[in-house]
């Protein structure tokens, strides 16, 4: 039996550093039918080297500051703002969550005690970070496996298994690119993860950076119960994530189509369904 799909609207940094835009996006996401809105939390001084922090943004047209560090700080919400967003999401009937990119951010978000915390692909081999969410937090831990080797997957799983916390893991099939060409989405990775980890983890998810919504339907049919997509109000806005994001209409259609797919994934409970009986009487060949 297929569980109901859960859709995560990854707002991330697509709010352009403006909390009023972030709240508008939460409201629109709620109207679209998602279950979760997710942000990102970074301590840029911890995460970036001095050189990275002070160098120019690699794509200046997308920069919100004169250096990459200034750009990242412009887009960053502090912990009080995240607390505000959590309350606002809950008022709109949504679950709030956040990806954490470093140890300080993980400690701050753990203190907020959201339903779950996400570890992005870029940080899933930071075991000091994983230790914080494993040992100091009781909610589920969602981990994307983009740009991750099979050996690294095993190490992540074993790290949680060592403390018998593997049941809290939600592992995501993911290809790290913005946007990702269809040839690189590799949907059967979902089936591989289900076969490899099966009932030993809480669930399997799919984090997509592709165009359109057809792929997400396939991900659900293949066994991903959690579907995560980046969300924006305008794909032409400045910022590198917008081009791989869904606008409100796309997010609404994704939720609609996933719910429809959930309804149809079942066997007939009798040979001739009630809807067919009238047609059978009218159209069926009689010997």
C-alpha atoms as a PDB file:
ATOM      1  CA  UNK A   1       0.000   0.000   0.000  1.00  0.00           C
ATOM      2  CA  UNK A   2       1.277   3.454  -0.891  1.00  0.00           C
ATOM      3  CA  UNK A   3       1.405   6.004   1.913  1.00  0.00           C
ATOM      4  CA  UNK A   4       0.110   9.484   1.177  1.00  0.00           C
ATOM      5  CA  UNK A   5       2.850  11.582  -0.424  1.00  0.00           C
ATOM      6  CA  UNK A   6       4.327  14.403   1.628  1.00  0.00           C
ATOM      7  CA  UNK A   7       5.456  17.476  -0.299  1.00  0.00           C
ATOM      8  CA  UNK A   8       8.174  19.797   0.985  1.00  0.00           C
ATOM      9  CA  UNK A   9       8.315  23.304  -0.470  1.00  0.00           C
ATOM     10  CA  UNK A  10      12.007  24.189  -0.198  1.00  0.00           C
ATOM     11  CA  UNK A  11      11.949  27.971   0.184  1.00  0.00           C
ATOM     12  CA  UNK A  12      15.634  27.869   1.097  1.00  0.00           C
ATOM     13  CA  UNK A  13      17.083  31.296   0.300  1.00  0.00           C
ATOM     14  CA  UNK A  14      14.567  32.145  -2.424  1.00  0.00           C
ATOM     15  CA  UNK A  15      13.041  34.755  -0.099  1.00  0.00           C
ATOM     16  CA  UNK A  16      15.834  37.177  -1.131  1.00  0.00           C
ATOM     17  CA  UNK A  17      16.630  37.921   2.514  1.00  0.00           C
ATOM     18  CA  UNK A  18      13.205  39.483   3.093  1.00  0.00           C
ATOM     19  CA  UNK A  19      11.124  37.899   5.857  1.00  0.00           C
ATOM     20  CA  UNK A  20       7.922  39.418   4.472  1.00  0.00           C
ATOM     21  CA  UNK A  21       8.538  37.550   1.205  1.00  0.00           C
ATOM     22  CA  UNK A  22       9.286  34.390   3.218  1.00  0.00           C
ATOM     23  CA  UNK A  23       5.923  34.680   4.965  1.00  0.00           C
ATOM     24  CA  UNK A  24       4.141  35.334   1.682  1.00  0.00           C
ATOM     25  CA  UNK A  25       5.739  32.161   0.316  1.00  0.00           C
ATOM     26  CA  UNK A  26       4.552  30.195   3.357  1.00  0.00           C
ATOM     27  CA  UNK A  27       0.982  31.362   2.778  1.00  0.00           C
ATOM     28  CA  UNK A  28       1.090  30.470  -0.921  1.00  0.00           C
ATOM     29  CA  UNK A  29       2.670  27.091  -0.170  1.00  0.00           C
ATOM     30  CA  UNK A  30      -0.129  26.330   2.291  1.00  0.00           C
ATOM     31  CA  UNK A  31      -2.719  27.195  -0.347  1.00  0.00           C
ATOM     32  CA  UNK A  32      -0.928  24.919  -2.819  1.00  0.00           C
ATOM     33  CA  UNK A  33      -1.386  21.803  -0.677  1.00  0.00           C
ATOM     34  CA  UNK A  34       2.118  21.093   0.624  1.00  0.00           C
ATOM     35  CA  UNK A  35       2.715  19.670   4.092  1.00  0.00           C
ATOM     36  CA  UNK A  36       6.110  21.250   4.846  1.00  0.00           C
ATOM     37  CA  UNK A  37       7.998  24.482   4.194  1.00  0.00           C
ATOM     38  CA  UNK A  38      11.749  24.306   4.567  1.00  0.00           C
ATOM     39  CA  UNK A  39      14.415  26.965   4.916  1.00  0.00           C
ATOM     40  CA  UNK A  40      18.207  26.919   5.308  1.00  0.00           C
ATOM     41  CA  UNK A  41      20.415  27.947   8.221  1.00  0.00           C
ATOM     42  CA  UNK A  42      24.096  28.788   7.839  1.00  0.00           C
ATOM     43  CA  UNK A  43      26.744  30.320  10.057  1.00  0.00           C
ATOM     44  CA  UNK A  44      28.818  31.696   7.239  1.00  0.00           C
ATOM     45  CA  UNK A  45      31.916  32.487   9.290  1.00  0.00           C
ATOM     46  CA  UNK A  46      32.072  28.827  10.366  1.00  0.00           C
ATOM     47  CA  UNK A  47      31.093  27.371   7.021  1.00  0.00           C
ATOM     48  CA  UNK A  48      33.339  29.396   4.712  1.00  0.00           C
ATOM     49  CA  UNK A  49      37.090  29.861   4.718  1.00  0.00           C
ATOM     50  CA  UNK A  50      38.368  33.443   4.943  1.00  0.00           C
ATOM     51  CA  UNK A  51      39.227  33.278   1.253  1.00  0.00           C
ATOM     52  CA  UNK A  52      35.758  32.020   0.283  1.00  0.00           C
ATOM     53  CA  UNK A  53      34.093  34.607   2.484  1.00  0.00           C
ATOM     54  CA  UNK A  54      36.033  37.554   1.048  1.00  0.00           C
ATOM     55  CA  UNK A  55      36.121  36.540  -2.612  1.00  0.00           C
ATOM     56  CA  UNK A  56      33.548  37.750  -5.109  1.00  0.00           C
ATOM     57  CA  UNK A  57      30.464  35.643  -5.827  1.00  0.00           C
ATOM     58  CA  UNK A  58      31.299  33.201  -8.663  1.00  0.00           C
ATOM     59  CA  UNK A  59      28.168  34.396 -10.508  1.00  0.00           C
ATOM     60  CA  UNK A  60      28.151  38.178  -9.881  1.00  0.00           C
ATOM     61  CA  UNK A  61      24.781  38.668 -11.575  1.00  0.00           C
ATOM     62  CA  UNK A  62      23.203  36.596  -8.778  1.00  0.00           C
ATOM     63  CA  UNK A  63      25.045  38.246  -5.881  1.00  0.00           C
ATOM     64  CA  UNK A  64      23.401  40.242  -3.102  1.00  0.00           C
ATOM     65  CA  UNK A  65      26.740  41.573  -1.828  1.00  0.00           C
ATOM     66  CA  UNK A  66      30.197  42.726  -2.912  1.00  0.00           C
ATOM     67  CA  UNK A  67      31.733  39.431  -1.673  1.00  0.00           C
ATOM     68  CA  UNK A  68      30.399  35.903  -1.407  1.00  0.00           C
ATOM     69  CA  UNK A  69      30.343  36.258   2.380  1.00  0.00           C
ATOM     70  CA  UNK A  70      28.341  39.491   2.171  1.00  0.00           C
ATOM     71  CA  UNK A  71      25.976  37.782  -0.274  1.00  0.00           C
ATOM     72  CA  UNK A  72      25.386  34.881   2.091  1.00  0.00           C
ATOM     73  CA  UNK A  73      24.909  37.160   5.110  1.00  0.00           C
ATOM     74  CA  UNK A  74      22.329  39.207   3.206  1.00  0.00           C
ATOM     75  CA  UNK A  75      20.237  36.078   2.619  1.00  0.00           C
ATOM     76  CA  UNK A  76      20.601  34.713   6.157  1.00  0.00           C
ATOM     77  CA  UNK A  77      17.855  34.844   8.794  1.00  0.00           C
ATOM     78  CA  UNK A  78      18.885  34.824  12.460  1.00  0.00           C
ATOM     79  CA  UNK A  79      17.514  32.289  14.918  1.00  0.00           C
ATOM     80  CA  UNK A  80      14.783  34.644  16.198  1.00  0.00           C
ATOM     81  CA  UNK A  81      13.552  35.086  12.636  1.00  0.00           C
ATOM     82  CA  UNK A  82      13.530  31.302  12.182  1.00  0.00           C
ATOM     83  CA  UNK A  83      11.507  31.003  15.381  1.00  0.00           C
ATOM     84  CA  UNK A  84       9.080  33.542  13.936  1.00  0.00           C
ATOM     85  CA  UNK A  85       8.857  31.611  10.660  1.00  0.00           C
ATOM     86  CA  UNK A  86       8.226  28.352  12.532  1.00  0.00           C
ATOM     87  CA  UNK A  87       5.286  29.912  14.373  1.00  0.00           C
ATOM     88  CA  UNK A  88       3.961  31.469  11.169  1.00  0.00           C
ATOM     89  CA  UNK A  89       4.177  28.156   9.288  1.00  0.00           C
ATOM     90  CA  UNK A  90       2.307  26.379  12.073  1.00  0.00           C
ATOM     91  CA  UNK A  91      -0.396  29.073  12.060  1.00  0.00           C
ATOM     92  CA  UNK A  92      -0.843  28.238   8.370  1.00  0.00           C
ATOM     93  CA  UNK A  93      -1.166  24.519   9.106  1.00  0.00           C
ATOM     94  CA  UNK A  94       2.300  23.599   7.878  1.00  0.00           C
ATOM     95  CA  UNK A  95       5.330  21.870   9.313  1.00  0.00           C
ATOM     96  CA  UNK A  96       8.423  24.066   9.513  1.00  0.00           C
ATOM     97  CA  UNK A  97      11.864  22.608   8.888  1.00  0.00           C
ATOM     98  CA  UNK A  98      15.342  23.810   8.022  1.00  0.00           C
ATOM     99  CA  UNK A  99      18.486  22.459   6.416  1.00  0.00           C
ATOM    100  CA  UNK A 100      21.501  23.024   8.658  1.00  0.00           C
ATOM    101  CA  UNK A 101      24.911  23.532   7.079  1.00  0.00           C
ATOM    102  CA  UNK A 102      27.228  23.756  10.089  1.00  0.00           C
ATOM    103  CA  UNK A 103      27.557  22.938  13.782  1.00  0.00           C
ATOM    104  CA  UNK A 104      26.433  26.319  15.157  1.00  0.00           C
ATOM    105  CA  UNK A 105      23.343  26.312  12.939  1.00  0.00           C
ATOM    106  CA  UNK A 106      22.527  22.730  13.937  1.00  0.00           C
ATOM    107  CA  UNK A 107      22.703  23.621  17.642  1.00  0.00           C
ATOM    108  CA  UNK A 108      20.457  26.649  17.111  1.00  0.00           C
ATOM    109  CA  UNK A 109      17.833  24.734  15.135  1.00  0.00           C
ATOM    110  CA  UNK A 110      17.880  21.777  17.541  1.00  0.00           C
ATOM    111  CA  UNK A 111      16.878  24.270  20.236  1.00  0.00           C
ATOM    112  CA  UNK A 112      13.794  25.174  18.149  1.00  0.00           C
ATOM    113  CA  UNK A 113      12.828  21.471  18.112  1.00  0.00           C
ATOM    114  CA  UNK A 114      11.175  21.304  14.659  1.00  0.00           C
ATOM    115  CA  UNK A 115       9.463  18.110  13.497  1.00  0.00           C
ATOM    116  CA  UNK A 116      12.531  17.215  11.455  1.00  0.00           C
ATOM    117  CA  UNK A 117      15.906  18.625  10.482  1.00  0.00           C
ATOM    118  CA  UNK A 118      17.463  18.279   7.031  1.00  0.00           C
ATOM    119  CA  UNK A 119      21.130  17.649   6.285  1.00  0.00           C
ATOM    120  CA  UNK A 120      22.006  18.805   2.750  1.00  0.00           C
ATOM    121  CA  UNK A 121      24.108  16.702   0.406  1.00  0.00           C
ATOM    122  CA  UNK A 122      27.039  19.094   0.810  1.00  0.00           C
ATOM    123  CA  UNK A 123      27.276  18.391   4.553  1.00  0.00           C
ATOM    124  CA  UNK A 124      26.271  14.754   4.948  1.00  0.00           C
ATOM    125  CA  UNK A 125      29.901  13.695   5.564  1.00  0.00           C
ATOM    126  CA  UNK A 126      30.345  16.182   8.444  1.00  0.00           C
ATOM    127  CA  UNK A 127      30.043  13.689  11.297  1.00  0.00           C
ATOM    128  CA  UNK A 128      30.387  16.327  14.012  1.00  0.00           C
ATOM    129  CA  UNK A 129      27.275  17.900  12.520  1.00  0.00           C
ATOM    130  CA  UNK A 130      25.530  14.516  12.276  1.00  0.00           C
ATOM    131  CA  UNK A 131      26.429  13.792  15.888  1.00  0.00           C
ATOM    132  CA  UNK A 132      24.538  16.874  17.077  1.00  0.00           C
ATOM    133  CA  UNK A 133      21.286  15.876  15.385  1.00  0.00           C
ATOM    134  CA  UNK A 134      21.737  12.225  16.331  1.00  0.00           C
ATOM    135  CA  UNK A 135      22.535  12.717  20.016  1.00  0.00           C
ATOM    136  CA  UNK A 136      20.879  16.010  20.987  1.00  0.00           C
ATOM    137  CA  UNK A 137      17.639  15.914  19.037  1.00  0.00           C
ATOM    138  CA  UNK A 138      14.717  13.474  19.012  1.00  0.00           C
ATOM    139  CA  UNK A 139      13.031  14.247  15.689  1.00  0.00           C
ATOM    140  CA  UNK A 140      13.621  12.627  12.330  1.00  0.00           C
ATOM    141  CA  UNK A 141      16.773  13.445  10.384  1.00  0.00           C
ATOM    142  CA  UNK A 142      16.339  13.866   6.629  1.00  0.00           C
ATOM    143  CA  UNK A 143      19.557  13.458   4.640  1.00  0.00           C
ATOM    144  CA  UNK A 144      20.090  14.114   0.933  1.00  0.00           C
ATOM    145  CA  UNK A 145      22.514  11.796  -0.849  1.00  0.00           C
ATOM    146  CA  UNK A 146      23.536  13.946  -3.798  1.00  0.00           C
ATOM    147  CA  UNK A 147      27.250  13.784  -4.733  1.00  0.00           C
ATOM    148  CA  UNK A 148      27.654  10.909  -2.245  1.00  0.00           C
ATOM    149  CA  UNK A 149      29.410   7.581  -2.808  1.00  0.00           C
ATOM    150  CA  UNK A 150      27.968   4.209  -1.832  1.00  0.00           C
ATOM    151  CA  UNK A 151      30.659   3.909   0.857  1.00  0.00           C
ATOM    152  CA  UNK A 152      29.689   7.316   2.259  1.00  0.00           C
ATOM    153  CA  UNK A 153      26.031   6.196   2.346  1.00  0.00           C
ATOM    154  CA  UNK A 154      27.067   3.153   4.370  1.00  0.00           C
ATOM    155  CA  UNK A 155      29.078   5.313   6.766  1.00  0.00           C
ATOM    156  CA  UNK A 156      26.130   7.657   7.346  1.00  0.00           C
ATOM    157  CA  UNK A 157      23.757   4.769   7.981  1.00  0.00           C
ATOM    158  CA  UNK A 158      26.220   2.997  10.295  1.00  0.00           C
ATOM    159  CA  UNK A 159      26.754   6.191  12.283  1.00  0.00           C
ATOM    160  CA  UNK A 160      23.059   6.245  13.200  1.00  0.00           C
ATOM    161  CA  UNK A 161      22.836   2.460  13.546  1.00  0.00           C
ATOM    162  CA  UNK A 162      25.624   2.520  16.152  1.00  0.00           C
ATOM    163  CA  UNK A 163      23.258   4.335  18.528  1.00  0.00           C
ATOM    164  CA  UNK A 164      20.173   2.480  17.276  1.00  0.00           C
ATOM    165  CA  UNK A 165      18.863   5.702  15.752  1.00  0.00           C
ATOM    166  CA  UNK A 166      18.624   4.497  12.146  1.00  0.00           C
ATOM    167  CA  UNK A 167      14.806   4.409  12.312  1.00  0.00           C
ATOM    168  CA  UNK A 168      14.895   8.233  12.450  1.00  0.00           C
ATOM    169  CA  UNK A 169      16.595   8.513   9.065  1.00  0.00           C
ATOM    170  CA  UNK A 170      14.819   9.644   5.898  1.00  0.00           C
ATOM    171  CA  UNK A 171      17.240   9.189   2.983  1.00  0.00           C
ATOM    172  CA  UNK A 172      16.772  11.169  -0.226  1.00  0.00           C
ATOM    173  CA  UNK A 173      17.723  10.251  -3.739  1.00  0.00           C
ATOM    174  CA  UNK A 174      19.194  13.432  -5.186  1.00  0.00           C
ATOM    175  CA  UNK A 175      21.377  14.699  -8.020  1.00  0.00           C
ATOM    176  CA  UNK A 176      23.178  17.894  -7.063  1.00  0.00           C
ATOM    177  CA  UNK A 177      22.770  20.318  -9.956  1.00  0.00           C
ATOM    178  CA  UNK A 178      20.716  23.471 -10.621  1.00  0.00           C
ATOM    179  CA  UNK A 179      18.850  22.627 -12.750  1.00  0.00           C
ATOM    180  CA  UNK A 180      19.475  18.919 -13.470  1.00  0.00           C
ATOM    181  CA  UNK A 181      19.096  17.540 -16.979  1.00  0.00           C
ATOM    182  CA  UNK A 182      16.666  14.605 -17.210  1.00  0.00           C
ATOM    183  CA  UNK A 183      19.544  12.316 -18.211  1.00  0.00           C
ATOM    184  CA  UNK A 184      21.122  12.948 -14.795  1.00  0.00           C
ATOM    185  CA  UNK A 185      18.064  12.551 -12.550  1.00  0.00           C
ATOM    186  CA  UNK A 186      18.577   8.742 -12.348  1.00  0.00           C
ATOM    187  CA  UNK A 187      15.193   7.834 -10.866  1.00  0.00           C
ATOM    188  CA  UNK A 188      16.009   4.178 -10.254  1.00  0.00           C
ATOM    189  CA  UNK A 189      18.279   5.313  -7.416  1.00  0.00           C
ATOM    190  CA  UNK A 190      15.068   5.424  -5.378  1.00  0.00           C
ATOM    191  CA  UNK A 191      14.542   1.720  -5.969  1.00  0.00           C
ATOM    192  CA  UNK A 192      18.190   1.045  -5.139  1.00  0.00           C
ATOM    193  CA  UNK A 193      17.937   2.922  -1.833  1.00  0.00           C
ATOM    194  CA  UNK A 194      14.753   1.057  -0.913  1.00  0.00           C
ATOM    195  CA  UNK A 195      16.412  -2.266  -1.644  1.00  0.00           C
ATOM    196  CA  UNK A 196      19.599  -1.330   0.220  1.00  0.00           C
ATOM    197  CA  UNK A 197      18.065   0.214   3.340  1.00  0.00           C
ATOM    198  CA  UNK A 198      14.444  -0.992   3.201  1.00  0.00           C
ATOM    199  CA  UNK A 199      12.818  -1.192   6.617  1.00  0.00           C
ATOM    200  CA  UNK A 200      16.070  -0.228   8.345  1.00  0.00           C
ATOM    201  CA  UNK A 201      15.321   3.484   7.915  1.00  0.00           C
ATOM    202  CA  UNK A 202      12.187   5.529   8.435  1.00  0.00           C
ATOM    203  CA  UNK A 203      11.506   6.216   4.778  1.00  0.00           C
ATOM    204  CA  UNK A 204      12.945   7.168   1.381  1.00  0.00           C
ATOM    205  CA  UNK A 205      12.522  10.580  -0.231  1.00  0.00           C
ATOM    206  CA  UNK A 206      13.341  12.378  -3.452  1.00  0.00           C
ATOM    207  CA  UNK A 207      14.882  15.838  -3.687  1.00  0.00           C
ATOM    208  CA  UNK A 208      14.534  17.125  -7.236  1.00  0.00           C
ATOM    209  CA  UNK A 209      16.269  19.976  -9.040  1.00  0.00           C
ATOM    210  CA  UNK A 210      14.836  19.218 -12.485  1.00  0.00           C
ATOM    211  CA  UNK A 211      12.282  21.061 -14.606  1.00  0.00           C
ATOM    212  CA  UNK A 212       8.568  20.303 -14.550  1.00  0.00           C
ATOM    213  CA  UNK A 213       6.651  17.905 -12.313  1.00  0.00           C
ATOM    214  CA  UNK A 214       6.390  14.607 -14.237  1.00  0.00           C
ATOM    215  CA  UNK A 215       9.560  13.244 -12.635  1.00  0.00           C
ATOM    216  CA  UNK A 216       8.163  13.751  -9.125  1.00  0.00           C
ATOM    217  CA  UNK A 217       5.144  11.583  -9.919  1.00  0.00           C
ATOM    218  CA  UNK A 218       7.500   8.827 -11.062  1.00  0.00           C
ATOM    219  CA  UNK A 219       9.530   9.263  -7.861  1.00  0.00           C
ATOM    220  CA  UNK A 220       6.440   8.659  -5.757  1.00  0.00           C
ATOM    221  CA  UNK A 221       5.414   5.593  -7.761  1.00  0.00           C
ATOM    222  CA  UNK A 222       8.952   4.207  -7.354  1.00  0.00           C
ATOM    223  CA  UNK A 223       8.633   4.491  -3.580  1.00  0.00           C
ATOM    224  CA  UNK A 224       9.644   7.978  -2.447  1.00  0.00           C
ATOM    225  CA  UNK A 225       7.136   9.085   0.194  1.00  0.00           C
ATOM    226  CA  UNK A 226       8.730  12.506   0.636  1.00  0.00           C
ATOM    227  CA  UNK A 227       8.960  14.787  -2.400  1.00  0.00           C
ATOM    228  CA  UNK A 228      11.052  17.940  -1.999  1.00  0.00           C
ATOM    229  CA  UNK A 229      11.119  20.741  -4.566  1.00  0.00           C
ATOM    230  CA  UNK A 230      12.607  24.218  -4.466  1.00  0.00           C
ATOM    231  CA  UNK A 231       9.898  26.885  -4.497  1.00  0.00           C
ATOM    232  CA  UNK A 232       9.997  30.490  -5.726  1.00  0.00           C
ATOM    233  CA  UNK A 233       7.544  33.238  -6.556  1.00  0.00           C
ATOM    234  CA  UNK A 234       9.428  34.095  -9.747  1.00  0.00           C
ATOM    235  CA  UNK A 235      11.967  31.923 -11.571  1.00  0.00           C
ATOM    236  CA  UNK A 236      13.561  35.037 -13.100  1.00  0.00           C
ATOM    237  CA  UNK A 237      14.559  36.509  -9.717  1.00  0.00           C
ATOM    238  CA  UNK A 238      18.223  37.008  -8.884  1.00  0.00           C
ATOM    239  CA  UNK A 239      19.723  33.919  -7.240  1.00  0.00           C
ATOM    240  CA  UNK A 240      21.065  30.586  -8.450  1.00  0.00           C
ATOM    241  CA  UNK A 241      18.249  28.395  -7.048  1.00  0.00           C
ATOM    242  CA  UNK A 242      15.311  30.077  -8.771  1.00  0.00           C
ATOM    243  CA  UNK A 243      15.842  28.451 -12.173  1.00  0.00           C
ATOM    244  CA  UNK A 244      15.461  24.970 -10.627  1.00  0.00           C
ATOM    245  CA  UNK A 245      12.406  25.950  -8.580  1.00  0.00           C
ATOM    246  CA  UNK A 246       8.662  25.644  -9.031  1.00  0.00           C
ATOM    247  CA  UNK A 247       6.500  28.752  -9.141  1.00  0.00           C
ATOM    248  CA  UNK A 248       3.110  28.722  -7.334  1.00  0.00           C
ATOM    249  CA  UNK A 249       1.186  27.243 -10.263  1.00  0.00           C
ATOM    250  CA  UNK A 250       3.702  24.426 -10.654  1.00  0.00           C
ATOM    251  CA  UNK A 251       3.705  23.680  -6.922  1.00  0.00           C
ATOM    252  CA  UNK A 252      -0.095  23.558  -6.869  1.00  0.00           C
ATOM    253  CA  UNK A 253      -0.193  21.192  -9.858  1.00  0.00           C
ATOM    254  CA  UNK A 254       2.452  18.972  -8.272  1.00  0.00           C
ATOM    255  CA  UNK A 255       0.411  18.580  -5.094  1.00  0.00           C
ATOM    256  CA  UNK A 256      -2.763  17.968  -7.108  1.00  0.00           C
ATOM    257  CA  UNK A 257      -1.157  15.307  -9.308  1.00  0.00           C
ATOM    258  CA  UNK A 258       0.542  13.523  -6.403  1.00  0.00           C
ATOM    259  CA  UNK A 259      -2.764  13.292  -4.543  1.00  0.00           C
ATOM    260  CA  UNK A 260      -4.458  11.952  -7.683  1.00  0.00           C
ATOM    261  CA  UNK A 261      -1.670   9.404  -8.146  1.00  0.00           C
ATOM    262  CA  UNK A 262      -2.085   8.239  -4.543  1.00  0.00           C
ATOM    263  CA  UNK A 263      -5.794   7.623  -5.168  1.00  0.00           C
ATOM    264  CA  UNK A 264      -5.238   5.482  -8.275  1.00  0.00           C
ATOM    265  CA  UNK A 265      -2.461   3.244  -6.918  1.00  0.00           C
ATOM    266  CA  UNK A 266      -4.619   0.316  -5.851  1.00  0.00           C
ATOM    267  CA  UNK A 267      -6.119  -2.907  -7.193  1.00  0.00           C
ATOM    268  CA  UNK A 268      -9.761  -3.415  -8.052  1.00  0.00           C
ATOM    269  CA  UNK A 269     -11.726  -4.732  -5.061  1.00  0.00           C
ATOM    270  CA  UNK A 270     -14.148  -6.609  -7.309  1.00  0.00           C
ATOM    271  CA  UNK A 271     -14.111  -7.866 -10.893  1.00  0.00           C
ATOM    272  CA  UNK A 272     -16.648  -5.331 -12.125  1.00  0.00           C
ATOM    273  CA  UNK A 273     -16.606  -1.969 -10.417  1.00  0.00           C
ATOM    274  CA  UNK A 274     -19.917  -0.135  -9.863  1.00  0.00           C
ATOM    275  CA  UNK A 275     -18.848   2.507 -12.363  1.00  0.00           C
ATOM    276  CA  UNK A 276     -18.401  -0.253 -14.955  1.00  0.00           C
ATOM    277  CA  UNK A 277     -21.688  -2.074 -14.421  1.00  0.00           C
ATOM    278  CA  UNK A 278     -23.830   0.391 -16.350  1.00  0.00           C
ATOM    279  CA  UNK A 279     -21.346   0.364 -19.210  1.00  0.00           C
ATOM    280  CA  UNK A 280     -21.188  -3.429 -19.136  1.00  0.00           C
ATOM    281  CA  UNK A 281     -24.966  -3.707 -19.428  1.00  0.00           C
ATOM    282  CA  UNK A 282     -24.953  -1.279 -22.340  1.00  0.00           C
ATOM    283  CA  UNK A 283     -21.780  -2.210 -24.221  1.00  0.00           C
ATOM    284  CA  UNK A 284     -20.525  -5.694 -23.333  1.00  0.00           C
ATOM    285  CA  UNK A 285     -20.742  -8.267 -26.149  1.00  0.00           C
ATOM    286  CA  UNK A 286     -23.464 -10.843 -25.568  1.00  0.00           C
ATOM    287  CA  UNK A 287     -23.025 -14.319 -26.935  1.00  0.00           C
END
